[in-house]
Amino acid sequence: MRRIAAAAFVLVTAAGCSLSTGSAPQDNSVTLVTHDSFVVRKELLDEFQKTSGLKVEVRKTGDAGALTNQLVLTKANPIGDLAFGVDSTFASRALQEGVFEPYASPDATKGPQRYKVDDSNRMTAVDVGDVCVNVHTPGLKGVPEPKTFEDLADPKYKDMFVVESPATSSPGLAFLLGTIKHFGENGWQDYWTKLKANGVKVADGWETAYTQDFSGTKGTKPIVVSYASSPAATPDTKALLDTCYRQVEYAGVLTGAKRPDQAKKVLDWLISQQFQAEVADQMYVYPAREGVALPDAWQKAAPLPQNPGSLPADDVQRNRESWVGTWRSLVQG
């Protein structure tokens, strides 16, 4: 998942938290493998390390897709003890490859199980970050705001829309899956043909699309694929809640981990009240735990979508490559 507050995405490197270098772990150390967008406040991490007696080493491995690939490639000799950041578009692959071992955290019943992939307890939901079309109202220059997928193919929005490639971007893939869910197997290809004819621009990733092409930042395109939470950080923008696709991020103890007991403690912390209360401010996602209040600014600007689209994980796993291949032929061929 790619977040909004890109400037805030810094790796916390302080006493008790460092990048793993591949050396033999200390007795009290535990390695968390995650994506580049993982952020935790130094004081919160220090408090956990003090109370748990653990040293958390963070190893970052790119986006959600790169993270999943790395975990699969190294499953015989895992590069950490637990992983966070495999999202719902890649979850079935991680499960199929046996990357994670079962662990039912005591707090999983306090919300995260709402988003469970299956009954194996191998992956625990940590956050939700629905992918939705965002619009920058001033950038529309008087043109009425679109509201639906169908509106985006209307000639009045010609050359206004930028999307991320589903071949190289997690939100791009989520948006493609959203169109497949909405239009069905017999309709999504025709829809993308219409988007192409209407001048849709394709960017490699979220950062290019949102921070360079989108008029809500410094670009010229007033419509972009981003997140439901994005308007909380970008003035004069809104998410089109009828275009959202649910994207959940999971954590799990890695099969063959050298420190499985320590890994379980870190996973418990990721879904604790203390950690969950900060995921919105730190990573611009919604907490998976129930009863965690969102920041005041989110209540109006970035409410959690109530009816996002989704597809069964097995369907995504079975069809992802063929769907993306077809999309390439339609849009980039």
C-alpha atoms as a PDB file:
ATOM      1  CA  MET A   1       0.000   0.000   0.000  1.00  0.00           C
ATOM      2  CA  ARG A   2       1.225   3.508  -0.830  1.00  0.00           C
ATOM      3  CA  ARG A   3       0.324   6.251   1.596  1.00  0.00           C
ATOM      4  CA  ILE A   4      -0.363   9.963   1.450  1.00  0.00           C
ATOM      5  CA  ALA A   5       2.035  11.639   3.829  1.00  0.00           C
ATOM      6  CA  ALA A   6       5.028  10.604   1.765  1.00  0.00           C
ATOM      7  CA  ALA A   7       7.307  13.126   3.409  1.00  0.00           C
ATOM      8  CA  ALA A   8       6.571  11.504   6.750  1.00  0.00           C
ATOM      9  CA  PHE A   9       7.557   8.034   5.614  1.00  0.00           C
ATOM     10  CA  VAL A  10      10.844   7.799   7.409  1.00  0.00           C
ATOM     11  CA  LEU A  11      12.317   4.711   8.937  1.00  0.00           C
ATOM     12  CA  VAL A  12      12.573   5.019  12.676  1.00  0.00           C
ATOM     13  CA  THR A  13      16.243   4.333  13.434  1.00  0.00           C
ATOM     14  CA  ALA A  14      17.024   4.913  17.060  1.00  0.00           C
ATOM     15  CA  ALA A  15      18.106   3.124  20.190  1.00  0.00           C
ATOM     16  CA  GLY A  16      16.243  -0.139  20.052  1.00  0.00           C
ATOM     17  CA  CYS A  17      15.176   0.069  16.402  1.00  0.00           C
ATOM     18  CA  SER A  18      17.402  -0.406  13.404  1.00  0.00           C
ATOM     19  CA  LEU A  19      17.511  -1.917   9.981  1.00  0.00           C
ATOM     20  CA  SER A  20      18.348  -5.604   9.988  1.00  0.00           C
ATOM     21  CA  THR A  21      21.746  -6.175   8.451  1.00  0.00           C
ATOM     22  CA  GLY A  22      21.548  -9.925   8.104  1.00  0.00           C
ATOM     23  CA  SER A  23      23.813 -10.619  11.084  1.00  0.00           C
ATOM     24  CA  ALA A  24      22.850 -13.190  13.693  1.00  0.00           C
ATOM     25  CA  PRO A  25      20.018 -11.825  15.844  1.00  0.00           C
ATOM     26  CA  GLN A  26      20.553 -11.059  19.515  1.00  0.00           C
ATOM     27  CA  ASP A  27      18.668 -13.163  22.056  1.00  0.00           C
ATOM     28  CA  ASN A  28      16.120 -10.391  22.664  1.00  0.00           C
ATOM     29  CA  SER A  29      15.836  -9.250  19.047  1.00  0.00           C
ATOM     30  CA  VAL A  30      13.009  -9.849  16.612  1.00  0.00           C
ATOM     31  CA  THR A  31      13.014  -8.896  12.937  1.00  0.00           C
ATOM     32  CA  LEU A  32       9.904  -7.356  11.411  1.00  0.00           C
ATOM     33  CA  VAL A  33       9.858  -7.535   7.609  1.00  0.00           C
ATOM     34  CA  THR A  34       7.584  -4.900   6.117  1.00  0.00           C
ATOM     35  CA  HIS A  35       6.988  -2.528   3.211  1.00  0.00           C
ATOM     36  CA  ASP A  36       8.472   0.916   2.624  1.00  0.00           C
ATOM     37  CA  SER A  37       5.383   2.693   3.979  1.00  0.00           C
ATOM     38  CA  PHE A  38       5.639   1.313   7.505  1.00  0.00           C
ATOM     39  CA  VAL A  39       5.973   4.104  10.071  1.00  0.00           C
ATOM     40  CA  VAL A  40       5.890   4.004  13.844  1.00  0.00           C
ATOM     41  CA  ARG A  41       6.405   6.858  16.257  1.00  0.00           C
ATOM     42  CA  LYS A  42       9.758   6.491  18.032  1.00  0.00           C
ATOM     43  CA  GLU A  43       8.283   7.025  21.500  1.00  0.00           C
ATOM     44  CA  LEU A  44       5.643   4.343  20.959  1.00  0.00           C
ATOM     45  CA  LEU A  45       8.217   1.841  19.760  1.00  0.00           C
ATOM     46  CA  ASP A  46      10.588   2.661  22.607  1.00  0.00           C
ATOM     47  CA  GLU A  47       7.801   2.100  25.122  1.00  0.00           C
ATOM     48  CA  PHE A  48       6.974  -1.310  23.648  1.00  0.00           C
ATOM     49  CA  GLN A  49      10.609  -2.372  23.611  1.00  0.00           C
ATOM     50  CA  LYS A  50      11.042  -1.286  27.216  1.00  0.00           C
ATOM     51  CA  THR A  51       7.986  -3.143  28.492  1.00  0.00           C
ATOM     52  CA  SER A  52       8.529  -6.264  26.369  1.00  0.00           C
ATOM     53  CA  GLY A  53      12.301  -6.476  26.708  1.00  0.00           C
ATOM     54  CA  LEU A  54      12.603  -6.920  22.932  1.00  0.00           C
ATOM     55  CA  LYS A  55      14.646  -5.134  20.321  1.00  0.00           C
ATOM     56  CA  VAL A  56      12.636  -4.700  17.139  1.00  0.00           C
ATOM     57  CA  GLU A  57      14.674  -4.640  13.953  1.00  0.00           C
ATOM     58  CA  VAL A  58      12.797  -3.377  10.882  1.00  0.00           C
ATOM     59  CA  ARG A  59      13.636  -4.622   7.398  1.00  0.00           C
ATOM     60  CA  LYS A  60      11.880  -2.859   4.513  1.00  0.00           C
ATOM     61  CA  THR A  61      11.438  -4.547   1.138  1.00  0.00           C
ATOM     62  CA  GLY A  62       9.518  -2.268  -1.249  1.00  0.00           C
ATOM     63  CA  ASP A  63       5.743  -2.228  -1.708  1.00  0.00           C
ATOM     64  CA  ALA A  64       3.187  -4.915  -0.836  1.00  0.00           C
ATOM     65  CA  GLY A  65       3.875  -6.871  -4.015  1.00  0.00           C
ATOM     66  CA  ALA A  66       7.647  -6.793  -3.575  1.00  0.00           C
ATOM     67  CA  LEU A  67       7.237  -7.778   0.067  1.00  0.00           C
ATOM     68  CA  THR A  68       5.113 -10.791  -0.840  1.00  0.00           C
ATOM     69  CA  ASN A  69       7.540 -11.886  -3.551  1.00  0.00           C
ATOM     70  CA  GLN A  70      10.474 -11.615  -1.151  1.00  0.00           C
ATOM     71  CA  LEU A  71       8.688 -13.657   1.499  1.00  0.00           C
ATOM     72  CA  VAL A  72       7.871 -16.379  -1.028  1.00  0.00           C
ATOM     73  CA  LEU A  73      11.396 -16.496  -2.436  1.00  0.00           C
ATOM     74  CA  THR A  74      12.976 -16.763   1.018  1.00  0.00           C
ATOM     75  CA  LYS A  75      10.405 -19.003   2.722  1.00  0.00           C
ATOM     76  CA  ALA A  76      12.911 -21.852   3.141  1.00  0.00           C
ATOM     77  CA  ASN A  77      15.226 -19.467   5.017  1.00  0.00           C
ATOM     78  CA  PRO A  78      13.042 -16.562   6.181  1.00  0.00           C
ATOM     79  CA  ILE A  79      14.588 -13.103   6.371  1.00  0.00           C
ATOM     80  CA  GLY A  80      12.708 -12.229   9.539  1.00  0.00           C
ATOM     81  CA  ASP A  81      10.464 -13.471  12.297  1.00  0.00           C
ATOM     82  CA  LEU A  82       7.197 -11.838  11.279  1.00  0.00           C
ATOM     83  CA  ALA A  83       5.958  -9.758   8.386  1.00  0.00           C
ATOM     84  CA  PHE A  84       3.505  -6.892   8.110  1.00  0.00           C
ATOM     85  CA  GLY A  85       2.098  -5.420   4.914  1.00  0.00           C
ATOM     86  CA  VAL A  86       0.955  -8.299   2.718  1.00  0.00           C
ATOM     87  CA  ASP A  87      -2.392  -6.942   1.559  1.00  0.00           C
ATOM     88  CA  SER A  88      -5.622  -8.558   0.447  1.00  0.00           C
ATOM     89  CA  THR A  89      -4.630  -8.549  -3.228  1.00  0.00           C
ATOM     90  CA  PHE A  90      -1.614 -10.768  -2.442  1.00  0.00           C
ATOM     91  CA  ALA A  91      -2.869 -12.626   0.642  1.00  0.00           C
ATOM     92  CA  SER A  92      -3.921 -15.802  -1.152  1.00  0.00           C
ATOM     93  CA  ARG A  93      -0.479 -16.168  -2.727  1.00  0.00           C
ATOM     94  CA  ALA A  94       1.242 -15.880   0.640  1.00  0.00           C
ATOM     95  CA  LEU A  95      -1.101 -18.486   2.100  1.00  0.00           C
ATOM     96  CA  GLN A  96      -0.742 -20.820  -0.850  1.00  0.00           C
ATOM     97  CA  GLU A  97       3.037 -20.669  -0.546  1.00  0.00           C
ATOM     98  CA  GLY A  98       2.994 -21.434   3.198  1.00  0.00           C
ATOM     99  CA  VAL A  99       4.755 -18.211   4.178  1.00  0.00           C
ATOM    100  CA  PHE A 100       2.986 -17.858   7.542  1.00  0.00           C
ATOM    101  CA  GLU A 101       2.332 -20.210  10.437  1.00  0.00           C
ATOM    102  CA  PRO A 102      -0.882 -20.246  12.513  1.00  0.00           C
ATOM    103  CA  TYR A 103      -1.153 -17.864  15.444  1.00  0.00           C
ATOM    104  CA  ALA A 104      -4.372 -16.564  16.994  1.00  0.00           C
ATOM    105  CA  SER A 105      -3.584 -13.361  18.858  1.00  0.00           C
ATOM    106  CA  PRO A 106      -5.731 -12.792  21.971  1.00  0.00           C
ATOM    107  CA  ASP A 107      -6.853  -9.415  20.566  1.00  0.00           C
ATOM    108  CA  ALA A 108      -7.782 -10.751  17.115  1.00  0.00           C
ATOM    109  CA  THR A 109     -11.405 -11.054  18.253  1.00  0.00           C
ATOM    110  CA  LYS A 110     -11.531  -7.303  18.899  1.00  0.00           C
ATOM    111  CA  GLY A 111     -11.957  -6.389  15.246  1.00  0.00           C
ATOM    112  CA  PRO A 112      -9.231  -7.898  13.078  1.00  0.00           C
ATOM    113  CA  GLN A 113     -11.159 -11.143  12.542  1.00  0.00           C
ATOM    114  CA  ARG A 114     -13.748  -9.157  10.583  1.00  0.00           C
ATOM    115  CA  TYR A 115     -11.191  -9.123   7.778  1.00  0.00           C
ATOM    116  CA  LYS A 116      -9.858 -12.676   8.044  1.00  0.00           C
ATOM    117  CA  VAL A 117      -8.841 -14.346   4.793  1.00  0.00           C
ATOM    118  CA  ASP A 118      -9.658 -17.860   5.988  1.00  0.00           C
ATOM    119  CA  ASP A 119      -9.944 -19.853   9.218  1.00  0.00           C
ATOM    120  CA  SER A 120      -6.272 -20.816   9.478  1.00  0.00           C
ATOM    121  CA  ASN A 121      -5.226 -17.882  11.720  1.00  0.00           C
ATOM    122  CA  ARG A 122      -2.087 -17.435   9.638  1.00  0.00           C
ATOM    123  CA  MET A 123      -2.745 -13.772   8.829  1.00  0.00           C
ATOM    124  CA  THR A 124      -4.083 -11.106  11.182  1.00  0.00           C
ATOM    125  CA  ALA A 125      -5.555  -7.852   9.882  1.00  0.00           C
ATOM    126  CA  VAL A 126      -3.762  -4.729  11.101  1.00  0.00           C
ATOM    127  CA  ASP A 127      -5.268  -1.942   9.016  1.00  0.00           C
ATOM    128  CA  VAL A 128      -7.662  -1.081   6.206  1.00  0.00           C
ATOM    129  CA  GLY A 129      -6.886   1.313   3.361  1.00  0.00           C
ATOM    130  CA  ASP A 130      -9.660   1.387   0.780  1.00  0.00           C
ATOM    131  CA  VAL A 131      -8.606   2.414  -2.731  1.00  0.00           C
ATOM    132  CA  CYS A 132     -10.988   4.952  -4.268  1.00  0.00           C
ATOM    133  CA  VAL A 133     -11.075   7.506  -7.066  1.00  0.00           C
ATOM    134  CA  ASN A 134     -10.242  10.978  -5.692  1.00  0.00           C
ATOM    135  CA  VAL A 135     -11.224  14.289  -7.250  1.00  0.00           C
ATOM    136  CA  HIS A 136      -9.797  17.793  -6.863  1.00  0.00           C
ATOM    137  CA  THR A 137     -12.822  20.064  -7.187  1.00  0.00           C
ATOM    138  CA  PRO A 138     -11.015  23.302  -8.208  1.00  0.00           C
ATOM    139  CA  GLY A 139      -9.106  21.353 -10.866  1.00  0.00           C
ATOM    140  CA  LEU A 140     -12.380  20.386 -12.569  1.00  0.00           C
ATOM    141  CA  LYS A 141     -12.819  24.072 -13.466  1.00  0.00           C
ATOM    142  CA  GLY A 142     -16.584  24.072 -13.235  1.00  0.00           C
ATOM    143  CA  VAL A 143     -17.226  20.604 -14.625  1.00  0.00           C
ATOM    144  CA  PRO A 144     -19.559  18.698 -12.256  1.00  0.00           C
ATOM    145  CA  GLU A 145     -17.834  16.163 -10.060  1.00  0.00           C
ATOM    146  CA  PRO A 146     -18.018  12.554 -11.252  1.00  0.00           C
ATOM    147  CA  LYS A 147     -19.625  10.104  -8.851  1.00  0.00           C
ATOM    148  CA  THR A 148     -19.435   6.633 -10.398  1.00  0.00           C
ATOM    149  CA  PHE A 149     -17.176   4.388 -12.440  1.00  0.00           C
ATOM    150  CA  GLU A 150     -19.388   5.061 -15.460  1.00  0.00           C
ATOM    151  CA  ASP A 151     -18.954   8.832 -15.134  1.00  0.00           C
ATOM    152  CA  LEU A 152     -15.202   8.532 -15.601  1.00  0.00           C
ATOM    153  CA  ALA A 153     -15.696   7.364 -19.191  1.00  0.00           C
ATOM    154  CA  ASP A 154     -17.915  10.363 -20.005  1.00  0.00           C
ATOM    155  CA  PRO A 155     -16.332  12.717 -22.600  1.00  0.00           C
ATOM    156  CA  LYS A 156     -16.748  15.649 -20.208  1.00  0.00           C
ATOM    157  CA  TYR A 157     -13.858  14.156 -18.228  1.00  0.00           C
ATOM    158  CA  LYS A 158     -11.612  13.528 -21.213  1.00  0.00           C
ATOM    159  CA  ASP A 159      -7.889  13.747 -20.373  1.00  0.00           C
ATOM    160  CA  MET A 160      -8.659  14.424 -16.673  1.00  0.00           C
ATOM    161  CA  PHE A 161      -8.030  11.000 -15.135  1.00  0.00           C
ATOM    162  CA  VAL A 162      -4.757   9.384 -14.050  1.00  0.00           C
ATOM    163  CA  VAL A 163      -4.503   5.791 -12.778  1.00  0.00           C
ATOM    164  CA  GLU A 164      -1.648   3.587 -11.600  1.00  0.00           C
ATOM    165  CA  SER A 165      -0.651   0.511 -13.565  1.00  0.00           C
ATOM    166  CA  PRO A 166      -1.976  -2.691 -11.977  1.00  0.00           C
ATOM    167  CA  ALA A 167       1.214  -4.388 -13.162  1.00  0.00           C
ATOM    168  CA  THR A 168       3.444  -2.197 -10.989  1.00  0.00           C
ATOM    169  CA  SER A 169       1.225  -0.650  -8.306  1.00  0.00           C
ATOM    170  CA  SER A 170      -0.870  -2.006  -5.441  1.00  0.00           C
ATOM    171  CA  PRO A 171      -3.567   0.721  -5.683  1.00  0.00           C
ATOM    172  CA  GLY A 172      -3.516   0.303  -9.459  1.00  0.00           C
ATOM    173  CA  LEU A 173      -4.254  -3.384  -9.054  1.00  0.00           C
ATOM    174  CA  ALA A 174      -6.965  -2.640  -6.496  1.00  0.00           C
ATOM    175  CA  PHE A 175      -8.651  -0.224  -8.905  1.00  0.00           C
ATOM    176  CA  LEU A 176      -8.543  -2.806 -11.692  1.00  0.00           C
ATOM    177  CA  LEU A 177     -10.116  -5.357  -9.343  1.00  0.00           C
ATOM    178  CA  GLY A 178     -12.747  -2.787  -8.417  1.00  0.00           C
ATOM    179  CA  THR A 179     -13.722  -2.393 -12.060  1.00  0.00           C
ATOM    180  CA  ILE A 180     -13.869  -6.168 -12.490  1.00  0.00           C
ATOM    181  CA  LYS A 181     -16.121  -6.427  -9.425  1.00  0.00           C
ATOM    182  CA  HIS A 182     -18.371  -3.606 -10.660  1.00  0.00           C
ATOM    183  CA  PHE A 183     -18.667  -4.503 -14.345  1.00  0.00           C
ATOM    184  CA  GLY A 184     -18.139  -8.267 -14.153  1.00  0.00           C
ATOM    185  CA  GLU A 185     -16.099 -10.587 -16.356  1.00  0.00           C
ATOM    186  CA  ASN A 186     -18.123  -9.611 -19.413  1.00  0.00           C
ATOM    187  CA  GLY A 187     -17.976  -5.849 -18.937  1.00  0.00           C
ATOM    188  CA  TRP A 188     -14.701  -4.656 -17.465  1.00  0.00           C
ATOM    189  CA  GLN A 189     -12.707  -4.906 -20.680  1.00  0.00           C
ATOM    190  CA  ASP A 190     -15.172  -2.726 -22.569  1.00  0.00           C
ATOM    191  CA  TYR A 191     -15.026  -0.217 -19.714  1.00  0.00           C
ATOM    192  CA  TRP A 192     -11.239   0.064 -19.911  1.00  0.00           C
ATOM    193  CA  THR A 193     -11.449   0.457 -23.674  1.00  0.00           C
ATOM    194  CA  LYS A 194     -13.709   3.452 -23.056  1.00  0.00           C
ATOM    195  CA  LEU A 195     -11.343   4.877 -20.430  1.00  0.00           C
ATOM    196  CA  LYS A 196      -8.453   4.623 -22.877  1.00  0.00           C
ATOM    197  CA  ALA A 197     -10.481   6.383 -25.568  1.00  0.00           C
ATOM    198  CA  ASN A 198     -11.290   9.069 -23.008  1.00  0.00           C
ATOM    199  CA  GLY A 199      -7.602   9.843 -22.468  1.00  0.00           C
ATOM    200  CA  VAL A 200      -6.855   8.079 -19.185  1.00  0.00           C
ATOM    201  CA  LYS A 201      -3.190   8.438 -18.221  1.00  0.00           C
ATOM    202  CA  VAL A 202      -1.303   5.515 -16.687  1.00  0.00           C
ATOM    203  CA  ALA A 203       1.453   6.121 -14.127  1.00  0.00           C
ATOM    204  CA  ASP A 204       3.852   3.475 -12.820  1.00  0.00           C
ATOM    205  CA  GLY A 205       2.930   4.047  -9.189  1.00  0.00           C
ATOM    206  CA  TRP A 206       0.968   6.018  -6.627  1.00  0.00           C
ATOM    207  CA  GLU A 207       3.686   8.567  -5.890  1.00  0.00           C
ATOM    208  CA  THR A 208       3.921   9.664  -9.524  1.00  0.00           C
ATOM    209  CA  ALA A 209       0.162   9.708 -10.040  1.00  0.00           C
ATOM    210  CA  TYR A 210      -0.707  11.541  -6.833  1.00  0.00           C
ATOM    211  CA  THR A 211       2.237  13.834  -6.175  1.00  0.00           C
ATOM    212  CA  GLN A 212       3.148  14.721  -9.767  1.00  0.00           C
ATOM    213  CA  ASP A 213       0.081  14.252 -12.012  1.00  0.00           C
ATOM    214  CA  PHE A 214      -2.803  15.090  -9.673  1.00  0.00           C
ATOM    215  CA  SER A 215      -3.903  18.731  -9.609  1.00  0.00           C
ATOM    216  CA  GLY A 216      -4.607  18.422  -5.888  1.00  0.00           C
ATOM    217  CA  THR A 217      -0.828  18.509  -5.452  1.00  0.00           C
ATOM    218  CA  LYS A 218       1.180  19.949  -8.349  1.00  0.00           C
ATOM    219  CA  GLY A 219      -0.094  18.269 -11.515  1.00  0.00           C
ATOM    220  CA  THR A 220      -2.851  18.944 -14.025  1.00  0.00           C
ATOM    221  CA  LYS A 221      -5.150  15.908 -13.706  1.00  0.00           C
ATOM    222  CA  PRO A 222      -8.098  16.566 -11.350  1.00  0.00           C
ATOM    223  CA  ILE A 223      -9.069  12.866 -11.012  1.00  0.00           C
ATOM    224  CA  VAL A 224      -6.774  10.171  -9.620  1.00  0.00           C
ATOM    225  CA  VAL A 225      -6.823   6.710  -8.066  1.00  0.00           C
ATOM    226  CA  SER A 226      -5.760   7.016  -4.423  1.00  0.00           C
ATOM    227  CA  TYR A 227      -7.204   6.164  -1.003  1.00  0.00           C
ATOM    228  CA  ALA A 228     -10.355   6.973   0.937  1.00  0.00           C
ATOM    229  CA  SER A 229      -8.094   8.585   3.542  1.00  0.00           C
ATOM    230  CA  SER A 230      -6.310  10.881   1.074  1.00  0.00           C
ATOM    231  CA  PRO A 231      -8.652  13.884   1.476  1.00  0.00           C
ATOM    232  CA  ALA A 232      -7.624  14.149   5.131  1.00  0.00           C
ATOM    233  CA  ALA A 233      -4.199  15.301   3.907  1.00  0.00           C
ATOM    234  CA  THR A 234      -5.052  17.158   0.693  1.00  0.00           C
ATOM    235  CA  PRO A 235      -7.371  20.198   0.754  1.00  0.00           C
ATOM    236  CA  ASP A 236     -10.255  20.611  -1.721  1.00  0.00           C
ATOM    237  CA  THR A 237     -10.344  16.912  -2.573  1.00  0.00           C
ATOM    238  CA  LYS A 238     -12.789  14.114  -1.907  1.00  0.00           C
ATOM    239  CA  ALA A 239     -12.981  10.366  -2.382  1.00  0.00           C
ATOM    240  CA  LEU A 240     -15.768   8.914  -4.525  1.00  0.00           C
ATOM    241  CA  LEU A 241     -17.074   6.324  -2.099  1.00  0.00           C
ATOM    242  CA  ASP A 242     -18.975   4.407  -4.795  1.00  0.00           C
ATOM    243  CA  THR A 243     -15.664   3.531  -6.474  1.00  0.00           C
ATOM    244  CA  CYS A 244     -13.820   2.056  -3.474  1.00  0.00           C
ATOM    245  CA  TYR A 245     -12.177  -1.354  -3.306  1.00  0.00           C
ATOM    246  CA  ARG A 246     -11.294  -2.762   0.093  1.00  0.00           C
ATOM    247  CA  GLN A 247      -7.600  -3.292   0.747  1.00  0.00           C
ATOM    248  CA  VAL A 248      -6.594  -4.851   4.067  1.00  0.00           C
ATOM    249  CA  GLU A 249      -3.020  -5.231   5.324  1.00  0.00           C
ATOM    250  CA  TYR A 250      -2.044  -8.263   7.370  1.00  0.00           C
ATOM    251  CA  ALA A 251       0.699  -9.422   9.716  1.00  0.00           C
ATOM    252  CA  GLY A 252       1.806 -12.962  10.429  1.00  0.00           C
ATOM    253  CA  VAL A 253       4.512 -15.039  12.081  1.00  0.00           C
ATOM    254  CA  LEU A 254       6.827 -16.416   9.409  1.00  0.00           C
ATOM    255  CA  THR A 255       7.130 -20.157   9.003  1.00  0.00           C
ATOM    256  CA  GLY A 256      10.558 -21.221  10.220  1.00  0.00           C
ATOM    257  CA  ALA A 257      11.140 -17.991  12.167  1.00  0.00           C
ATOM    258  CA  LYS A 258      14.110 -18.062  14.536  1.00  0.00           C
ATOM    259  CA  ARG A 259      12.170 -16.097  17.161  1.00  0.00           C
ATOM    260  CA  PRO A 260       8.516 -17.188  16.855  1.00  0.00           C
ATOM    261  CA  ASP A 261       7.589 -16.394  20.467  1.00  0.00           C
ATOM    262  CA  GLN A 262       9.029 -12.898  20.199  1.00  0.00           C
ATOM    263  CA  ALA A 263       7.301 -12.469  16.835  1.00  0.00           C
ATOM    264  CA  LYS A 264       3.946 -13.253  18.442  1.00  0.00           C
ATOM    265  CA  LYS A 265       4.506 -10.476  20.984  1.00  0.00           C
ATOM    266  CA  VAL A 266       5.175  -7.964  18.200  1.00  0.00           C
ATOM    267  CA  LEU A 267       2.071  -9.091  16.321  1.00  0.00           C
ATOM    268  CA  ASP A 268       0.023  -8.655  19.511  1.00  0.00           C
ATOM    269  CA  TRP A 269       1.417  -5.115  19.750  1.00  0.00           C
ATOM    270  CA  LEU A 270       0.479  -4.288  16.136  1.00  0.00           C
ATOM    271  CA  ILE A 271      -3.192  -4.858  16.944  1.00  0.00           C
ATOM    272  CA  SER A 272      -3.052  -3.406  20.462  1.00  0.00           C
ATOM    273  CA  GLN A 273      -5.100  -0.352  21.381  1.00  0.00           C
ATOM    274  CA  GLN A 274      -1.907   1.724  21.664  1.00  0.00           C
ATOM    275  CA  PHE A 275      -0.581   0.922  18.192  1.00  0.00           C
ATOM    276  CA  GLN A 276      -3.970   0.971  16.484  1.00  0.00           C
ATOM    277  CA  ALA A 277      -4.738   4.426  17.852  1.00  0.00           C
ATOM    278  CA  GLU A 278      -1.850   5.821  15.807  1.00  0.00           C
ATOM    279  CA  VAL A 279      -2.116   4.080  12.423  1.00  0.00           C
ATOM    280  CA  ALA A 280      -4.297   6.845  10.981  1.00  0.00           C
ATOM    281  CA  ASP A 281      -1.887   9.646  11.873  1.00  0.00           C
ATOM    282  CA  GLN A 282       1.274   7.682  11.099  1.00  0.00           C
ATOM    283  CA  MET A 283       0.352   5.645   8.015  1.00  0.00           C
ATOM    284  CA  TYR A 284      -2.915   7.177   6.761  1.00  0.00           C
ATOM    285  CA  VAL A 285      -4.901   3.965   7.086  1.00  0.00           C
ATOM    286  CA  TYR A 286      -7.912   2.908   9.135  1.00  0.00           C
ATOM    287  CA  PRO A 287      -7.389   0.723  12.213  1.00  0.00           C
ATOM    288  CA  ALA A 288      -8.574  -2.879  12.072  1.00  0.00           C
ATOM    289  CA  ARG A 289      -9.392  -2.899  15.783  1.00  0.00           C
ATOM    290  CA  GLU A 290     -12.930  -1.944  16.781  1.00  0.00           C
ATOM    291  CA  GLY A 291     -13.581   1.086  18.941  1.00  0.00           C
ATOM    292  CA  VAL A 292     -10.494   3.043  17.867  1.00  0.00           C
ATOM    293  CA  ALA A 293     -11.400   6.664  17.188  1.00  0.00           C
ATOM    294  CA  LEU A 294     -10.261   8.330  13.982  1.00  0.00           C
ATOM    295  CA  PRO A 295      -8.610  11.767  14.107  1.00  0.00           C
ATOM    296  CA  ASP A 296     -11.112  14.630  14.178  1.00  0.00           C
ATOM    297  CA  ALA A 297     -10.114  15.758  10.668  1.00  0.00           C
ATOM    298  CA  TRP A 298     -11.032  12.336   9.299  1.00  0.00           C
ATOM    299  CA  GLN A 299     -14.594  12.328  10.572  1.00  0.00           C
ATOM    300  CA  LYS A 300     -15.761  14.524   7.693  1.00  0.00           C
ATOM    301  CA  ALA A 301     -12.913  14.420   5.166  1.00  0.00           C
ATOM    302  CA  ALA A 302     -12.114  10.701   5.257  1.00  0.00           C
ATOM    303  CA  PRO A 303     -14.858   8.474   6.678  1.00  0.00           C
ATOM    304  CA  LEU A 304     -14.350   4.734   6.267  1.00  0.00           C
ATOM    305  CA  PRO A 305     -16.330   3.594   3.184  1.00  0.00           C
ATOM    306  CA  GLN A 306     -19.303   1.462   4.192  1.00  0.00           C
ATOM    307  CA  ASN A 307     -19.826  -0.572   1.025  1.00  0.00           C
ATOM    308  CA  PRO A 308     -16.483  -1.046  -0.730  1.00  0.00           C
ATOM    309  CA  GLY A 309     -16.088  -3.644  -3.440  1.00  0.00           C
ATOM    310  CA  SER A 310     -14.076  -6.809  -2.935  1.00  0.00           C
ATOM    311  CA  LEU A 311     -13.386 -10.118  -4.648  1.00  0.00           C
ATOM    312  CA  PRO A 312     -12.653 -13.502  -3.055  1.00  0.00           C
ATOM    313  CA  ALA A 313      -8.925 -13.925  -2.430  1.00  0.00           C
ATOM    314  CA  ASP A 314      -8.895 -17.234  -4.319  1.00  0.00           C
ATOM    315  CA  ASP A 315     -10.408 -15.567  -7.400  1.00  0.00           C
ATOM    316  CA  VAL A 316      -7.748 -12.873  -7.313  1.00  0.00           C
ATOM    317  CA  GLN A 317      -4.959 -15.417  -6.938  1.00  0.00           C
ATOM    318  CA  ARG A 318      -6.287 -17.575  -9.765  1.00  0.00           C
ATOM    319  CA  ASN A 319      -6.925 -14.747 -12.227  1.00  0.00           C
ATOM    320  CA  ARG A 320      -4.525 -11.923 -11.316  1.00  0.00           C
ATOM    321  CA  GLU A 321      -1.935 -12.612 -13.988  1.00  0.00           C
ATOM    322  CA  SER A 322      -4.454 -13.106 -16.772  1.00  0.00           C
ATOM    323  CA  TRP A 323      -6.423 -10.012 -15.763  1.00  0.00           C
ATOM    324  CA  VAL A 324      -3.299  -7.865 -15.691  1.00  0.00           C
ATOM    325  CA  GLY A 325      -2.141  -9.337 -19.000  1.00  0.00           C
ATOM    326  CA  THR A 326      -5.475  -8.528 -20.616  1.00  0.00           C
ATOM    327  CA  TRP A 327      -5.348  -5.023 -19.150  1.00  0.00           C
ATOM    328  CA  ARG A 328      -1.889  -4.502 -20.663  1.00  0.00           C
ATOM    329  CA  SER A 329      -3.164  -5.505 -24.106  1.00  0.00           C
ATOM    330  CA  LEU A 330      -6.194  -3.228 -23.848  1.00  0.00           C
ATOM    331  CA  VAL A 331      -4.587  -0.135 -22.375  1.00  0.00           C
ATOM    332  CA  GLN A 332      -0.902  -0.294 -23.233  1.00  0.00           C
ATOM    333  CA  GLY A 333      -0.884  -2.540 -26.270  1.00  0.00           C
END
